PDB file of N, CA and C in Angstrom:
ATOM      1  N   UNK A   1     -14.746  -5.302 -94.110  1.00  0.00           N
ATOM      2  CA  UNK A   1     -15.089  -6.679 -94.382  1.00  0.00           C
ATOM      3  C   UNK A   1     -16.566  -6.731 -94.767  1.00  0.00           C
ATOM      4  N   UNK A   2     -16.870  -7.497 -95.856  1.00  0.00           N
ATOM      5  CA  UNK A   2     -18.234  -7.583 -96.368  1.00  0.00           C
ATOM      6  C   UNK A   2     -18.540  -8.976 -96.893  1.00  0.00           C
ATOM      7  N   UNK A   3     -19.841  -9.289 -96.948  1.00  0.00           N
ATOM      8  CA  UNK A   3     -20.260 -10.540 -97.573  1.00  0.00           C
ATOM      9  C   UNK A   3     -19.776 -10.532 -99.027  1.00  0.00           C
ATOM     10  N   UNK A   4     -19.327 -11.693 -99.485  1.00  0.00           N
ATOM     11  CA  UNK A   4     -18.870 -11.819-100.863  1.00  0.00           C
ATOM     12  C   UNK A   4     -17.384 -11.617-101.044  1.00  0.00           C
ATOM     13  N   UNK A   5     -16.700 -11.175 -99.989  1.00  0.00           N
ATOM     14  CA  UNK A   5     -15.246 -11.041-100.085  1.00  0.00           C
ATOM     15  C   UNK A   5     -14.587 -12.409-100.025  1.00  0.00           C
ATOM     16  N   UNK A   6     -13.523 -12.551-100.786  1.00  0.00           N
ATOM     17  CA  UNK A   6     -12.697 -13.753-100.739  1.00  0.00           C
ATOM     18  C   UNK A   6     -11.443 -13.384 -99.967  1.00  0.00           C
ATOM     19  N   UNK A   7     -11.193 -14.125 -98.887  1.00  0.00           N
ATOM     20  CA  UNK A   7     -10.034 -13.880 -98.029  1.00  0.00           C
ATOM     21  C   UNK A   7      -9.351 -15.197 -97.720  1.00  0.00           C
ATOM     22  N   UNK A   8      -8.110 -15.121 -97.280  1.00  0.00           N
ATOM     23  CA  UNK A   8      -7.388 -16.326 -96.874  1.00  0.00           C
ATOM     24  C   UNK A   8      -7.735 -16.689 -95.436  1.00  0.00           C
ATOM     25  N   UNK A   9      -7.723 -17.992 -95.163  1.00  0.00           N
ATOM     26  CA  UNK A   9      -7.939 -18.486 -93.799  1.00  0.00           C
ATOM     27  C   UNK A   9      -7.140 -19.772 -93.623  1.00  0.00           C
ATOM     28  N   UNK A  10      -6.522 -19.925 -92.450  1.00  0.00           N
ATOM     29  CA  UNK A  10      -5.784 -21.160 -92.154  1.00  0.00           C
ATOM     30  C   UNK A  10      -6.694 -22.092 -91.359  1.00  0.00           C
ATOM     31  N   UNK A  11      -7.044 -23.207 -91.985  1.00  0.00           N
ATOM     32  CA  UNK A  11      -7.874 -24.218 -91.331  1.00  0.00           C
ATOM     33  C   UNK A  11      -6.997 -25.149 -90.515  1.00  0.00           C
ATOM     34  N   UNK A  12      -7.506 -25.593 -89.374  1.00  0.00           N
ATOM     35  CA  UNK A  12      -6.757 -26.525 -88.519  1.00  0.00           C
ATOM     36  C   UNK A  12      -6.492 -27.834 -89.257  1.00  0.00           C
ATOM     37  N   UNK A  13      -7.487 -28.337 -89.948  1.00  0.00           N
ATOM     38  CA  UNK A  13      -7.306 -29.544 -90.766  1.00  0.00           C
ATOM     39  C   UNK A  13      -7.727 -29.182 -92.180  1.00  0.00           C
ATOM     40  N   UNK A  14      -6.917 -29.322 -93.145  1.00  0.00           N
ATOM     41  CA  UNK A  14      -5.649 -30.038 -93.189  1.00  0.00           C
ATOM     42  C   UNK A  14      -4.437 -29.190 -92.830  1.00  0.00           C
ATOM     43  N   UNK A  15      -4.621 -28.076 -92.174  1.00  0.00           N
ATOM     44  CA  UNK A  15      -3.489 -27.268 -91.721  1.00  0.00           C
ATOM     45  C   UNK A  15      -2.854 -26.421 -92.799  1.00  0.00           C
ATOM     46  N   UNK A  16      -3.675 -25.951 -93.732  1.00  0.00           N
ATOM     47  CA  UNK A  16      -3.118 -25.079 -94.761  1.00  0.00           C
ATOM     48  C   UNK A  16      -4.038 -23.895 -94.995  1.00  0.00           C
ATOM     49  N   UNK A  17      -3.447 -22.862 -95.577  1.00  0.00           N
ATOM     50  CA  UNK A  17      -4.218 -21.662 -95.900  1.00  0.00           C
ATOM     51  C   UNK A  17      -5.027 -21.926 -97.155  1.00  0.00           C
ATOM     52  N   UNK A  18      -6.241 -21.436 -97.131  1.00  0.00           N
ATOM     53  CA  UNK A  18      -7.148 -21.652 -98.249  1.00  0.00           C
ATOM     54  C   UNK A  18      -8.024 -20.408 -98.380  1.00  0.00           C
ATOM     55  N   UNK A  19      -8.376 -20.036 -99.584  1.00  0.00           N
ATOM     56  CA  UNK A  19      -9.317 -18.926 -99.728  1.00  0.00           C
ATOM     57  C   UNK A  19     -10.719 -19.354 -99.294  1.00  0.00           C
ATOM     58  N   UNK A  20     -11.444 -18.400 -98.751  1.00  0.00           N
ATOM     59  CA  UNK A  20     -12.835 -18.618 -98.343  1.00  0.00           C
ATOM     60  C   UNK A  20     -13.652 -17.417 -98.804  1.00  0.00           C
ATOM     61  N   UNK A  21     -14.943 -17.625 -98.976  1.00  0.00           N
ATOM     62  CA  UNK A  21     -15.837 -16.513 -99.269  1.00  0.00           C
ATOM     63  C   UNK A  21     -16.692 -16.269 -98.026  1.00  0.00           C
ATOM     64  N   UNK A  22     -16.824 -15.010 -97.650  1.00  0.00           N
ATOM     65  CA  UNK A  22     -17.614 -14.632 -96.475  1.00  0.00           C
ATOM     66  C   UNK A  22     -19.095 -14.715 -96.824  1.00  0.00           C
ATOM     67  N   UNK A  23     -19.862 -15.444 -95.997  1.00  0.00           N
ATOM     68  CA  UNK A  23     -21.296 -15.618 -96.200  1.00  0.00           C
ATOM     69  C   UNK A  23     -22.140 -14.798 -95.230  1.00  0.00           C
ATOM     70  N   UNK A  24     -21.584 -14.428 -94.088  1.00  0.00           N
ATOM     71  CA  UNK A  24     -22.327 -13.659 -93.083  1.00  0.00           C
ATOM     72  C   UNK A  24     -22.786 -12.332 -93.684  1.00  0.00           C
ATOM     73  N   UNK A  25     -24.015 -11.944 -93.364  1.00  0.00           N
ATOM     74  CA  UNK A  25     -24.538 -10.690 -93.913  1.00  0.00           C
ATOM     75  C   UNK A  25     -23.687  -9.515 -93.433  1.00  0.00           C
ATOM     76  N   UNK A  26     -23.454  -8.585 -94.328  1.00  0.00           N
ATOM     77  CA  UNK A  26     -22.575  -7.448 -94.059  1.00  0.00           C
ATOM     78  C   UNK A  26     -23.034  -6.647 -92.847  1.00  0.00           C
ATOM     79  N   UNK A  27     -24.345  -6.463 -92.687  1.00  0.00           N
ATOM     80  CA  UNK A  27     -24.850  -5.632 -91.583  1.00  0.00           C
ATOM     81  C   UNK A  27     -24.512  -6.205 -90.208  1.00  0.00           C
ATOM     82  N   UNK A  28     -24.239  -7.499 -90.118  1.00  0.00           N
ATOM     83  CA  UNK A  28     -23.921  -8.124 -88.828  1.00  0.00           C
ATOM     84  C   UNK A  28     -22.429  -8.202 -88.556  1.00  0.00           C
ATOM     85  N   UNK A  29     -21.607  -8.046 -89.565  1.00  0.00           N
ATOM     86  CA  UNK A  29     -20.174  -8.313 -89.420  1.00  0.00           C
ATOM     87  C   UNK A  29     -19.488  -7.458 -88.358  1.00  0.00           C
ATOM     88  N   UNK A  30     -19.893  -6.213 -88.216  1.00  0.00           N
ATOM     89  CA  UNK A  30     -19.194  -5.355 -87.251  1.00  0.00           C
ATOM     90  C   UNK A  30     -19.494  -5.725 -85.805  1.00  0.00           C
ATOM     91  N   UNK A  31     -20.555  -6.506 -85.578  1.00  0.00           N
ATOM     92  CA  UNK A  31     -20.936  -6.904 -84.224  1.00  0.00           C
ATOM     93  C   UNK A  31     -20.432  -8.286 -83.830  1.00  0.00           C
ATOM     94  N   UNK A  32     -19.978  -9.059 -84.792  1.00  0.00           N
ATOM     95  CA  UNK A  32     -19.629 -10.459 -84.550  1.00  0.00           C
ATOM     96  C   UNK A  32     -18.127 -10.668 -84.438  1.00  0.00           C
ATOM     97  N   UNK A  33     -17.739 -11.659 -83.658  1.00  0.00           N
ATOM     98  CA  UNK A  33     -16.329 -12.052 -83.587  1.00  0.00           C
ATOM     99  C   UNK A  33     -16.067 -13.275 -84.454  1.00  0.00           C
ATOM    100  N   UNK A  34     -17.147 -13.951 -84.872  1.00  0.00           N
ATOM    101  CA  UNK A  34     -17.023 -15.119 -85.744  1.00  0.00           C
ATOM    102  C   UNK A  34     -17.891 -14.892 -86.974  1.00  0.00           C
ATOM    103  N   UNK A  35     -17.442 -15.398 -88.109  1.00  0.00           N
ATOM    104  CA  UNK A  35     -18.171 -15.232 -89.361  1.00  0.00           C
ATOM    105  C   UNK A  35     -18.307 -16.578 -90.056  1.00  0.00           C
ATOM    106  N   UNK A  36     -19.354 -16.697 -90.847  1.00  0.00           N
ATOM    107  CA  UNK A  36     -19.594 -17.921 -91.598  1.00  0.00           C
ATOM    108  C   UNK A  36     -18.961 -17.781 -92.973  1.00  0.00           C
ATOM    109  N   UNK A  37     -18.209 -18.805 -93.353  1.00  0.00           N
ATOM    110  CA  UNK A  37     -17.478 -18.789 -94.619  1.00  0.00           C
ATOM    111  C   UNK A  37     -17.666 -20.121 -95.341  1.00  0.00           C
ATOM    112  N   UNK A  38     -17.397 -20.099 -96.629  1.00  0.00           N
ATOM    113  CA  UNK A  38     -17.357 -21.328 -97.424  1.00  0.00           C
ATOM    114  C   UNK A  38     -15.966 -21.430 -98.031  1.00  0.00           C
ATOM    115  N   UNK A  39     -15.334 -22.592 -97.896  1.00  0.00           N
ATOM    116  CA  UNK A  39     -13.996 -22.760 -98.463  1.00  0.00           C
ATOM    117  C   UNK A  39     -14.033 -22.804 -99.984  1.00  0.00           C
ATOM    118  N   UNK A  40     -12.932 -22.393-100.571  1.00  0.00           N
ATOM    119  CA  UNK A  40     -12.763 -22.436-102.024  1.00  0.00           C
ATOM    120  C   UNK A  40     -11.684 -23.459-102.324  1.00  0.00           C
ATOM    121  N   UNK A  41     -11.965 -24.329-103.278  1.00  0.00           N
ATOM    122  CA  UNK A  41     -11.046 -25.403-103.627  1.00  0.00           C
ATOM    123  C   UNK A  41     -10.816 -25.453-105.136  1.00  0.00           C
ATOM    124  N   UNK A  42      -9.664 -25.944-105.533  1.00  0.00           N
ATOM    125  CA  UNK A  42      -9.399 -26.140-106.963  1.00  0.00           C
ATOM    126  C   UNK A  42      -9.920 -27.494-107.432  1.00  0.00           C
ATOM    127  N   UNK A  43     -10.452 -28.297-106.503  1.00  0.00           N
ATOM    128  CA  UNK A  43     -11.044 -29.590-106.850  1.00  0.00           C
ATOM    129  C   UNK A  43     -12.506 -29.364-107.243  1.00  0.00           C
ATOM    130  N   UNK A  44     -12.735 -29.048-108.507  1.00  0.00           N
ATOM    131  CA  UNK A  44     -14.076 -28.740-109.006  1.00  0.00           C
ATOM    132  C   UNK A  44     -14.776 -30.047-109.366  1.00  0.00           C
ATOM    133  N   UNK A  45     -15.904 -30.310-108.714  1.00  0.00           N
ATOM    134  CA  UNK A  45     -16.638 -31.557-108.937  1.00  0.00           C
ATOM    135  C   UNK A  45     -17.851 -31.385-109.838  1.00  0.00           C
ATOM    136  N   UNK A  46     -18.281 -30.149-110.063  1.00  0.00           N
ATOM    137  CA  UNK A  46     -19.431 -29.910-110.926  1.00  0.00           C
ATOM    138  C   UNK A  46     -20.749 -30.369-110.325  1.00  0.00           C
ATOM    139  N   UNK A  47     -20.926 -30.152-109.029  1.00  0.00           N
ATOM    140  CA  UNK A  47     -22.153 -30.565-108.352  1.00  0.00           C
ATOM    141  C   UNK A  47     -22.951 -29.332-107.923  1.00  0.00           C
ATOM    142  N   UNK A  48     -24.259 -29.489-107.655  1.00  0.00           N
ATOM    143  CA  UNK A  48     -25.108 -28.327-107.357  1.00  0.00           C
ATOM    144  C   UNK A  48     -24.725 -27.539-106.111  1.00  0.00           C
ATOM    145  N   UNK A  49     -23.963 -28.132-105.211  1.00  0.00           N
ATOM    146  CA  UNK A  49     -23.565 -27.418-103.991  1.00  0.00           C
ATOM    147  C   UNK A  49     -22.249 -26.667-104.164  1.00  0.00           C
ATOM    148  N   UNK A  50     -21.797 -26.530-105.393  1.00  0.00           N
ATOM    149  CA  UNK A  50     -20.584 -25.761-105.711  1.00  0.00           C
ATOM    150  C   UNK A  50     -20.921 -24.614-106.647  1.00  0.00           C
ATOM    151  N   UNK A  51     -20.112 -23.570-106.588  1.00  0.00           N
ATOM    152  CA  UNK A  51     -20.177 -22.477-107.553  1.00  0.00           C
ATOM    153  C   UNK A  51     -18.779 -22.322-108.124  1.00  0.00           C
ATOM    154  N   UNK A  52     -18.670 -22.485-109.433  1.00  0.00           N
ATOM    155  CA  UNK A  52     -17.371 -22.376-110.092  1.00  0.00           C
ATOM    156  C   UNK A  52     -17.023 -20.902-110.259  1.00  0.00           C
ATOM    157  N   UNK A  53     -15.811 -20.556-109.861  1.00  0.00           N
ATOM    158  CA  UNK A  53     -15.291 -19.197-109.988  1.00  0.00           C
ATOM    159  C   UNK A  53     -13.886 -19.292-110.568  1.00  0.00           C
ATOM    160  N   UNK A  54     -13.340 -18.166-110.978  1.00  0.00           N
ATOM    161  CA  UNK A  54     -12.009 -18.228-111.570  1.00  0.00           C
ATOM    162  C   UNK A  54     -11.393 -16.864-111.788  1.00  0.00           C
ATOM    163  N   UNK A  55     -10.509 -16.764-112.778  1.00  0.00           N
ATOM    164  CA  UNK A  55      -9.809 -15.507-113.035  1.00  0.00           C
ATOM    165  C   UNK A  55     -10.744 -14.315-113.258  1.00  0.00           C
ATOM    166  N   UNK A  56     -11.900 -14.560-113.862  1.00  0.00           N
ATOM    167  CA  UNK A  56     -12.848 -13.462-114.087  1.00  0.00           C
ATOM    168  C   UNK A  56     -13.419 -12.926-112.771  1.00  0.00           C
ATOM    169  N   UNK A  57     -13.232 -13.688-111.698  1.00  0.00           N
ATOM    170  CA  UNK A  57     -13.681 -13.277-110.364  1.00  0.00           C
ATOM    171  C   UNK A  57     -12.534 -12.766-109.500  1.00  0.00           C
ATOM    172  N   UNK A  58     -11.330 -12.737-110.057  1.00  0.00           N
ATOM    173  CA  UNK A  58     -10.177 -12.246-109.316  1.00  0.00           C
ATOM    174  C   UNK A  58      -9.299 -13.326-108.724  1.00  0.00           C
ATOM    175  N   UNK A  59      -9.589 -14.600-109.022  1.00  0.00           N
ATOM    176  CA  UNK A  59      -8.753 -15.695-108.528  1.00  0.00           C
ATOM    177  C   UNK A  59      -7.710 -16.071-109.569  1.00  0.00           C
ATOM    178  N   UNK A  60      -6.674 -16.769-109.133  1.00  0.00           N
ATOM    179  CA  UNK A  60      -5.592 -17.142-110.039  1.00  0.00           C
ATOM    180  C   UNK A  60      -5.973 -18.287-110.957  1.00  0.00           C
ATOM    181  N   UNK A  61      -6.845 -19.192-110.478  1.00  0.00           N
ATOM    182  CA  UNK A  61      -7.214 -20.349-111.288  1.00  0.00           C
ATOM    183  C   UNK A  61      -8.668 -20.728-111.053  1.00  0.00           C
ATOM    184  N   UNK A  62      -9.187 -21.547-111.952  1.00  0.00           N
ATOM    185  CA  UNK A  62     -10.562 -22.013-111.821  1.00  0.00           C
ATOM    186  C   UNK A  62     -10.684 -22.809-110.524  1.00  0.00           C
ATOM    187  N   UNK A  63     -11.709 -22.491-109.751  1.00  0.00           N
ATOM    188  CA  UNK A  63     -11.924 -23.088-108.437  1.00  0.00           C
ATOM    189  C   UNK A  63     -13.421 -23.223-108.202  1.00  0.00           C
ATOM    190  N   UNK A  64     -13.776 -23.745-107.037  1.00  0.00           N
ATOM    191  CA  UNK A  64     -15.186 -23.870-106.679  1.00  0.00           C
ATOM    192  C   UNK A  64     -15.395 -23.439-105.238  1.00  0.00           C
ATOM    193  N   UNK A  65     -16.452 -22.672-105.015  1.00  0.00           N
ATOM    194  CA  UNK A  65     -16.905 -22.381-103.661  1.00  0.00           C
ATOM    195  C   UNK A  65     -17.664 -23.629-103.220  1.00  0.00           C
ATOM    196  N   UNK A  66     -17.221 -24.250-102.140  1.00  0.00           N
ATOM    197  CA  UNK A  66     -17.783 -25.518-101.677  1.00  0.00           C
ATOM    198  C   UNK A  66     -18.790 -25.249-100.560  1.00  0.00           C
ATOM    199  N   UNK A  67     -20.070 -25.283-100.898  1.00  0.00           N
ATOM    200  CA  UNK A  67     -21.107 -24.999 -99.909  1.00  0.00           C
ATOM    201  C   UNK A  67     -21.482 -26.214 -99.071  1.00  0.00           C
ATOM    202  N   UNK A  68     -20.867 -27.367 -99.312  1.00  0.00           N
ATOM    203  CA  UNK A  68     -21.075 -28.531 -98.456  1.00  0.00           C
ATOM    204  C   UNK A  68     -20.229 -28.456 -97.194  1.00  0.00           C
ATOM    205  N   UNK A  69     -19.272 -27.526 -97.153  1.00  0.00           N
ATOM    206  CA  UNK A  69     -18.359 -27.434 -96.013  1.00  0.00           C
ATOM    207  C   UNK A  69     -18.343 -26.044 -95.393  1.00  0.00           C
ATOM    208  N   UNK A  70     -19.520 -25.449 -95.257  1.00  0.00           N
ATOM    209  CA  UNK A  70     -19.656 -24.142 -94.619  1.00  0.00           C
ATOM    210  C   UNK A  70     -19.169 -24.246 -93.173  1.00  0.00           C
ATOM    211  N   UNK A  71     -18.409 -23.227 -92.735  1.00  0.00           N
ATOM    212  CA  UNK A  71     -17.870 -23.212 -91.373  1.00  0.00           C
ATOM    213  C   UNK A  71     -17.972 -21.812 -90.787  1.00  0.00           C
ATOM    214  N   UNK A  72     -17.943 -21.753 -89.469  1.00  0.00           N
ATOM    215  CA  UNK A  72     -17.874 -20.473 -88.775  1.00  0.00           C
ATOM    216  C   UNK A  72     -16.489 -20.362 -88.162  1.00  0.00           C
ATOM    217  N   UNK A  73     -15.817 -19.238 -88.450  1.00  0.00           N
ATOM    218  CA  UNK A  73     -14.425 -19.052 -88.036  1.00  0.00           C
ATOM    219  C   UNK A  73     -14.273 -17.703 -87.336  1.00  0.00           C
ATOM    220  N   UNK A  74     -13.178 -17.551 -86.606  1.00  0.00           N
ATOM    221  CA  UNK A  74     -12.889 -16.266 -85.958  1.00  0.00           C
ATOM    222  C   UNK A  74     -12.600 -15.209 -87.022  1.00  0.00           C
ATOM    223  N   UNK A  75     -13.268 -14.089 -86.896  1.00  0.00           N
ATOM    224  CA  UNK A  75     -13.076 -13.003 -87.856  1.00  0.00           C
ATOM    225  C   UNK A  75     -11.620 -12.545 -87.874  1.00  0.00           C
ATOM    226  N   UNK A  76     -10.985 -12.526 -86.705  1.00  0.00           N
ATOM    227  CA  UNK A  76      -9.591 -12.086 -86.615  1.00  0.00           C
ATOM    228  C   UNK A  76      -8.625 -13.029 -87.321  1.00  0.00           C
ATOM    229  N   UNK A  77      -9.061 -14.253 -87.611  1.00  0.00           N
ATOM    230  CA  UNK A  77      -8.198 -15.217 -88.297  1.00  0.00           C
ATOM    231  C   UNK A  77      -8.260 -15.101 -89.813  1.00  0.00           C
ATOM    232  N   UNK A  78      -9.133 -14.245 -90.317  1.00  0.00           N
ATOM    233  CA  UNK A  78      -9.213 -14.070 -91.764  1.00  0.00           C
ATOM    234  C   UNK A  78      -8.059 -13.197 -92.237  1.00  0.00           C
ATOM    235  N   UNK A  79      -7.492 -13.589 -93.353  1.00  0.00           N
ATOM    236  CA  UNK A  79      -6.336 -12.892 -93.899  1.00  0.00           C
ATOM    237  C   UNK A  79      -6.714 -11.820 -94.902  1.00  0.00           C
ATOM    238  N   UNK A  80      -5.768 -11.509 -95.777  1.00  0.00           N
ATOM    239  CA  UNK A  80      -5.948 -10.410 -96.717  1.00  0.00           C
ATOM    240  C   UNK A  80      -7.053 -10.665 -97.738  1.00  0.00           C
ATOM    241  N   UNK A  81      -7.597  -9.568 -98.230  1.00  0.00           N
ATOM    242  CA  UNK A  81      -8.613  -9.599 -99.274  1.00  0.00           C
ATOM    243  C   UNK A  81      -7.978 -10.050-100.580  1.00  0.00           C
ATOM    244  N   UNK A  82      -8.584 -11.061-101.214  1.00  0.00           N
ATOM    245  CA  UNK A  82      -8.089 -11.565-102.493  1.00  0.00           C
ATOM    246  C   UNK A  82      -8.969 -11.138-103.657  1.00  0.00           C
ATOM    247  N   UNK A  83     -10.275 -11.066-103.410  1.00  0.00           N
ATOM    248  CA  UNK A  83     -11.227 -10.746-104.479  1.00  0.00           C
ATOM    249  C   UNK A  83     -12.570 -10.413-103.847  1.00  0.00           C
ATOM    250  N   UNK A  84     -13.468  -9.884-104.666  1.00  0.00           N
ATOM    251  CA  UNK A  84     -14.846  -9.632-104.255  1.00  0.00           C
ATOM    252  C   UNK A  84     -15.741 -10.238-105.327  1.00  0.00           C
ATOM    253  N   UNK A  85     -16.621 -11.145-104.920  1.00  0.00           N
ATOM    254  CA  UNK A  85     -17.512 -11.787-105.881  1.00  0.00           C
ATOM    255  C   UNK A  85     -18.646 -10.844-106.261  1.00  0.00           C
ATOM    256  N   UNK A  86     -19.074 -10.927-107.506  1.00  0.00           N
ATOM    257  CA  UNK A  86     -20.140 -10.074-108.024  1.00  0.00           C
ATOM    258  C   UNK A  86     -21.490 -10.450-107.415  1.00  0.00           C
ATOM    259  N   UNK A  87     -22.457  -9.571-107.582  1.00  0.00           N
ATOM    260  CA  UNK A  87     -23.821  -9.831-107.113  1.00  0.00           C
ATOM    261  C   UNK A  87     -24.357 -11.099-107.770  1.00  0.00           C
ATOM    262  N   UNK A  88     -24.110 -11.255-109.066  1.00  0.00           N
ATOM    263  CA  UNK A  88     -24.581 -12.440-109.786  1.00  0.00           C
ATOM    264  C   UNK A  88     -23.937 -13.710-109.240  1.00  0.00           C
ATOM    265  N   UNK A  89     -22.654 -13.654-108.966  1.00  0.00           N
ATOM    266  CA  UNK A  89     -21.955 -14.830-108.447  1.00  0.00           C
ATOM    267  C   UNK A  89     -22.459 -15.154-107.036  1.00  0.00           C
ATOM    268  N   UNK A  90     -22.704 -14.128-106.227  1.00  0.00           N
ATOM    269  CA  UNK A  90     -23.218 -14.367-104.879  1.00  0.00           C
ATOM    270  C   UNK A  90     -24.649 -14.908-104.913  1.00  0.00           C
ATOM    271  N   UNK A  91     -25.404 -14.557-105.933  1.00  0.00           N
ATOM    272  CA  UNK A  91     -26.732 -15.146-106.095  1.00  0.00           C
ATOM    273  C   UNK A  91     -26.601 -16.653-106.308  1.00  0.00           C
ATOM    274  N   UNK A  92     -25.623 -17.058-107.119  1.00  0.00           N
ATOM    275  CA  UNK A  92     -25.364 -18.482-107.343  1.00  0.00           C
ATOM    276  C   UNK A  92     -24.894 -19.152-106.053  1.00  0.00           C
ATOM    277  N   UNK A  93     -24.085 -18.453-105.261  1.00  0.00           N
ATOM    278  CA  UNK A  93     -23.632 -18.986-103.967  1.00  0.00           C
ATOM    279  C   UNK A  93     -24.835 -19.208-103.050  1.00  0.00           C
ATOM    280  N   UNK A  94     -25.748 -18.253-103.017  1.00  0.00           N
ATOM    281  CA  UNK A  94     -26.948 -18.382-102.184  1.00  0.00           C
ATOM    282  C   UNK A  94     -27.770 -19.602-102.602  1.00  0.00           C
ATOM    283  N   UNK A  95     -27.942 -19.798-103.908  1.00  0.00           N
ATOM    284  CA  UNK A  95     -28.706 -20.947-104.404  1.00  0.00           C
ATOM    285  C   UNK A  95     -28.008 -22.263-104.068  1.00  0.00           C
ATOM    286  N   UNK A  96     -26.687 -22.294-104.193  1.00  0.00           N
ATOM    287  CA  UNK A  96     -25.932 -23.510-103.870  1.00  0.00           C
ATOM    288  C   UNK A  96     -25.989 -23.800-102.372  1.00  0.00           C
ATOM    289  N   UNK A  97     -25.970 -22.756-101.543  1.00  0.00           N
ATOM    290  CA  UNK A  97     -26.079 -22.946-100.093  1.00  0.00           C
ATOM    291  C   UNK A  97     -27.459 -23.492 -99.738  1.00  0.00           C
ATOM    292  N   UNK A  98     -28.498 -22.962-100.366  1.00  0.00           N
ATOM    293  CA  UNK A  98     -29.852 -23.461-100.120  1.00  0.00           C
ATOM    294  C   UNK A  98     -29.954 -24.932-100.509  1.00  0.00           C
ATOM    295  N   UNK A  99     -29.357 -25.305-101.634  1.00  0.00           N
ATOM    296  CA  UNK A  99     -29.348 -26.708-102.056  1.00  0.00           C
ATOM    297  C   UNK A  99     -28.604 -27.563-101.034  1.00  0.00           C
ATOM    298  N   UNK A 100     -27.431 -27.111-100.638  1.00  0.00           N
ATOM    299  CA  UNK A 100     -26.592 -27.864 -99.709  1.00  0.00           C
ATOM    300  C   UNK A 100     -27.301 -28.133 -98.384  1.00  0.00           C
ATOM    301  N   UNK A 101     -28.049 -27.151 -97.909  1.00  0.00           N
ATOM    302  CA  UNK A 101     -28.731 -27.266 -96.622  1.00  0.00           C
ATOM    303  C   UNK A 101     -30.141 -27.846 -96.733  1.00  0.00           C
ATOM    304  N   UNK A 102     -30.579 -28.124 -97.962  1.00  0.00           N
ATOM    305  CA  UNK A 102     -31.903 -28.686 -98.166  1.00  0.00           C
ATOM    306  C   UNK A 102     -33.021 -27.669 -98.107  1.00  0.00           C
ATOM    307  N   UNK A 103     -32.693 -26.380 -98.179  1.00  0.00           N
ATOM    308  CA  UNK A 103     -33.713 -25.337 -98.131  1.00  0.00           C
ATOM    309  C   UNK A 103     -34.379 -25.098 -99.477  1.00  0.00           C
ATOM    310  N   UNK A 104     -33.928 -25.781-100.517  1.00  0.00           N
ATOM    311  CA  UNK A 104     -34.521 -25.625-101.840  1.00  0.00           C
ATOM    312  C   UNK A 104     -35.699 -26.574-102.038  1.00  0.00           C
ATOM    313  N   UNK A 105     -35.922 -27.464-101.076  1.00  0.00           N
ATOM    314  CA  UNK A 105     -36.988 -28.460-101.188  1.00  0.00           C
ATOM    315  C   UNK A 105     -38.324 -27.861-100.765  1.00  0.00           C
ATOM    316  N   UNK A 106     -39.369 -28.347-101.390  1.00  0.00           N
ATOM    317  CA  UNK A 106     -40.720 -27.843-101.088  1.00  0.00           C
ATOM    318  C   UNK A 106     -41.222 -28.366 -99.759  1.00  0.00           C
TER     319      UNK A 106
END
């Protein structure tokens, strides 16, 4: 398991499986029982706190990593590997997360 992997996770609400991207740094993953993830949705809004991904990233359809809804989940609840995001795509995820959390402000 590594940062940038896209895996399935079943969220309690709305009670369905959804792909997520792992945000926790890879060096910490082997020590943790919970990991920070961002959900992926097909509802693309085109806002700065999203990163659009799609078939070129290994997904079936155009989607968005939603950095407004970052969550920490049990590592054991993560499902199979679906894709691995590129370094460039993860750079965009980092920038969107900074925007979402207000860390991009001076």
